[in-house]
Amino acid sequence: YEFKMFYKGEVIGEASKKIFSLTDQYELKVLDENFSLELIALCLALNNIKDLENASSASNG
């Protein structure tokens, strides 16, 4: 997964999930340090959403 985070049309951060790992690992690239904490929180939220999607699809199928 690859994500770009925008604020007022400008890219402020990028996150990518490492595919070949035993646990969820993301690389977070902060382009605007004023948003460091927000970008970390957003990355955690994205991971939680993906975990919920995976759990839902596993239980349905």
N, C-alpha and C. Protein backbone atom coordinates (compact mmCIF):
# COMPACT_ATOMS: atom_id res chain seq x y z
N TYR A 1 0.83 -1.18 0.00
CA TYR A 1 0.00 0.00 0.00
C TYR A 1 0.88 1.24 0.00
N GLU A 2 0.45 2.24 -0.73
CA GLU A 2 1.16 3.51 -0.77
C GLU A 2 0.13 4.62 -0.56
N PHE A 3 0.45 5.53 0.33
CA PHE A 3 -0.46 6.64 0.64
C PHE A 3 0.31 7.95 0.58
N LYS A 4 -0.35 8.99 0.08
CA LYS A 4 0.18 10.34 0.14
C LYS A 4 -0.81 11.17 0.94
N MET A 5 -0.30 11.97 1.87
CA MET A 5 -1.14 12.82 2.70
C MET A 5 -0.98 14.27 2.23
N PHE A 6 -2.11 14.92 2.07
CA PHE A 6 -2.13 16.28 1.56
C PHE A 6 -2.71 17.25 2.58
N TYR A 7 -2.24 18.48 2.53
CA TYR A 7 -2.83 19.58 3.29
C TYR A 7 -2.82 20.80 2.38
N LYS A 8 -4.01 21.31 2.11
CA LYS A 8 -4.17 22.47 1.23
C LYS A 8 -3.47 22.27 -0.11
N GLY A 9 -3.63 21.07 -0.66
CA GLY A 9 -3.09 20.76 -1.98
C GLY A 9 -1.62 20.40 -2.03
N GLU A 10 -0.93 20.46 -0.90
CA GLU A 10 0.50 20.14 -0.84
C GLU A 10 0.71 18.80 -0.15
N VAL A 11 1.61 17.99 -0.68
CA VAL A 11 1.95 16.72 -0.05
C VAL A 11 2.76 17.01 1.21
N ILE A 12 2.26 16.53 2.35
CA ILE A 12 2.97 16.75 3.62
C ILE A 12 3.59 15.46 4.16
N GLY A 13 3.19 14.32 3.57
CA GLY A 13 3.76 13.06 4.03
C GLY A 13 3.40 11.92 3.10
N GLU A 14 4.18 10.86 3.21
CA GLU A 14 3.95 9.65 2.43
C GLU A 14 4.13 8.45 3.34
N ALA A 15 3.30 7.44 3.14
CA ALA A 15 3.42 6.20 3.91
C ALA A 15 3.35 5.04 2.94
N SER A 16 4.18 4.04 3.18
CA SER A 16 4.13 2.83 2.37
C SER A 16 4.29 1.62 3.28
N LYS A 17 3.52 0.59 2.98
CA LYS A 17 3.57 -0.62 3.79
C LYS A 17 4.61 -1.56 3.20
N LYS A 18 5.46 -2.08 4.08
CA LYS A 18 6.47 -3.05 3.65
C LYS A 18 5.78 -4.40 3.49
N ILE A 19 5.93 -4.99 2.34
CA ILE A 19 5.20 -6.21 2.01
C ILE A 19 5.81 -7.44 2.65
N PHE A 20 7.11 -7.58 2.60
CA PHE A 20 7.77 -8.79 3.08
C PHE A 20 8.21 -8.65 4.53
N SER A 21 7.23 -8.70 5.44
CA SER A 21 7.54 -8.66 6.87
C SER A 21 6.50 -9.51 7.60
N LEU A 22 6.88 -10.03 8.76
CA LEU A 22 5.97 -10.87 9.52
C LEU A 22 4.89 -10.05 10.23
N THR A 23 5.20 -8.80 10.51
CA THR A 23 4.23 -7.91 11.15
C THR A 23 4.02 -6.70 10.24
N ASP A 24 2.97 -5.94 10.52
CA ASP A 24 2.72 -4.73 9.73
C ASP A 24 3.81 -3.71 10.00
N GLN A 25 4.47 -3.29 8.94
CA GLN A 25 5.50 -2.26 9.05
C GLN A 25 5.27 -1.23 7.97
N TYR A 26 5.27 0.02 8.37
CA TYR A 26 5.10 1.12 7.44
C TYR A 26 6.34 2.01 7.47
N GLU A 27 6.65 2.55 6.32
CA GLU A 27 7.69 3.58 6.25
C GLU A 27 6.95 4.90 6.10
N LEU A 28 7.22 5.83 7.01
CA LEU A 28 6.56 7.13 6.99
C LEU A 28 7.60 8.19 6.64
N LYS A 29 7.31 8.94 5.60
CA LYS A 29 8.19 10.02 5.17
C LYS A 29 7.46 11.33 5.46
N VAL A 30 7.99 12.10 6.41
CA VAL A 30 7.38 13.37 6.81
C VAL A 30 8.02 14.48 5.98
N LEU A 31 7.22 15.16 5.18
CA LEU A 31 7.72 16.23 4.33
C LEU A 31 7.53 17.61 4.95
N ASP A 32 6.62 17.71 5.92
CA ASP A 32 6.40 18.96 6.65
C ASP A 32 6.38 18.62 8.13
N GLU A 33 7.45 18.98 8.83
CA GLU A 33 7.59 18.60 10.24
C GLU A 33 6.53 19.20 11.14
N ASN A 34 5.81 20.20 10.68
CA ASN A 34 4.71 20.76 11.48
C ASN A 34 3.58 19.75 11.67
N PHE A 35 3.56 18.70 10.86
CA PHE A 35 2.49 17.71 10.91
C PHE A 35 2.99 16.34 11.36
N SER A 36 4.13 16.27 12.01
CA SER A 36 4.72 14.97 12.39
C SER A 36 3.77 14.11 13.21
N LEU A 37 3.22 14.66 14.28
CA LEU A 37 2.33 13.86 15.14
C LEU A 37 1.06 13.45 14.42
N GLU A 38 0.51 14.34 13.62
CA GLU A 38 -0.71 14.02 12.88
C GLU A 38 -0.45 12.90 11.87
N LEU A 39 0.71 12.94 11.23
CA LEU A 39 1.03 11.90 10.25
C LEU A 39 1.25 10.55 10.91
N ILE A 40 1.86 10.54 12.08
CA ILE A 40 2.03 9.28 12.82
C ILE A 40 0.66 8.73 13.21
N ALA A 41 -0.22 9.59 13.70
CA ALA A 41 -1.56 9.16 14.09
C ALA A 41 -2.33 8.63 12.87
N LEU A 42 -2.19 9.30 11.75
CA LEU A 42 -2.87 8.86 10.53
C LEU A 42 -2.35 7.50 10.07
N CYS A 43 -1.07 7.29 10.19
CA CYS A 43 -0.48 6.00 9.81
C CYS A 43 -1.02 4.88 10.72
N LEU A 44 -1.14 5.15 12.00
CA LEU A 44 -1.72 4.17 12.92
C LEU A 44 -3.18 3.88 12.56
N ALA A 45 -3.92 4.93 12.21
CA ALA A 45 -5.32 4.75 11.82
C ALA A 45 -5.44 3.93 10.54
N LEU A 46 -4.58 4.19 9.57
CA LEU A 46 -4.58 3.41 8.33
C LEU A 46 -4.32 1.94 8.61
N ASN A 47 -3.37 1.66 9.48
CA ASN A 47 -3.07 0.28 9.84
C ASN A 47 -4.28 -0.39 10.50
N ASN A 48 -4.95 0.33 11.37
CA ASN A 48 -6.13 -0.22 12.04
C ASN A 48 -7.24 -0.51 11.03
N ILE A 49 -7.46 0.38 10.08
CA ILE A 49 -8.48 0.17 9.05
C ILE A 49 -8.15 -1.07 8.23
N LYS A 50 -6.91 -1.21 7.82
CA LYS A 50 -6.50 -2.38 7.04
C LYS A 50 -6.67 -3.67 7.84
N ASP A 51 -6.33 -3.64 9.13
CA ASP A 51 -6.51 -4.82 9.98
C ASP A 51 -7.98 -5.20 10.09
N LEU A 52 -8.86 -4.21 10.25
CA LEU A 52 -10.29 -4.48 10.32
C LEU A 52 -10.82 -5.05 9.01
N GLU A 53 -10.36 -4.51 7.89
CA GLU A 53 -10.77 -5.04 6.59
C GLU A 53 -10.33 -6.49 6.42
N ASN A 54 -9.10 -6.78 6.80
CA ASN A 54 -8.59 -8.15 6.68
C ASN A 54 -9.35 -9.11 7.58
N ALA A 55 -9.66 -8.69 8.79
CA ALA A 55 -10.41 -9.54 9.72
C ALA A 55 -11.82 -9.79 9.20
N SER A 56 -12.43 -8.76 8.62
CA SER A 56 -13.78 -8.90 8.09
C SER A 56 -13.81 -9.85 6.90
N SER A 57 -12.85 -9.72 6.00
CA SER A 57 -12.83 -10.60 4.83
C SER A 57 -12.49 -12.04 5.23
N ALA A 58 -11.68 -12.23 6.26
CA ALA A 58 -11.34 -13.58 6.72
C ALA A 58 -12.55 -14.26 7.35
N SER A 59 -13.38 -13.50 8.05
CA SER A 59 -14.54 -14.10 8.71
C SER A 59 -15.68 -14.36 7.72
N ASN A 60 -15.66 -13.67 6.58
CA ASN A 60 -16.71 -13.85 5.58
C ASN A 60 -16.37 -14.92 4.55
N GLY A 61 -15.14 -15.34 4.57
CA GLY A 61 -14.90 -16.18 3.48
C GLY A 61 -14.05 -17.30 3.44
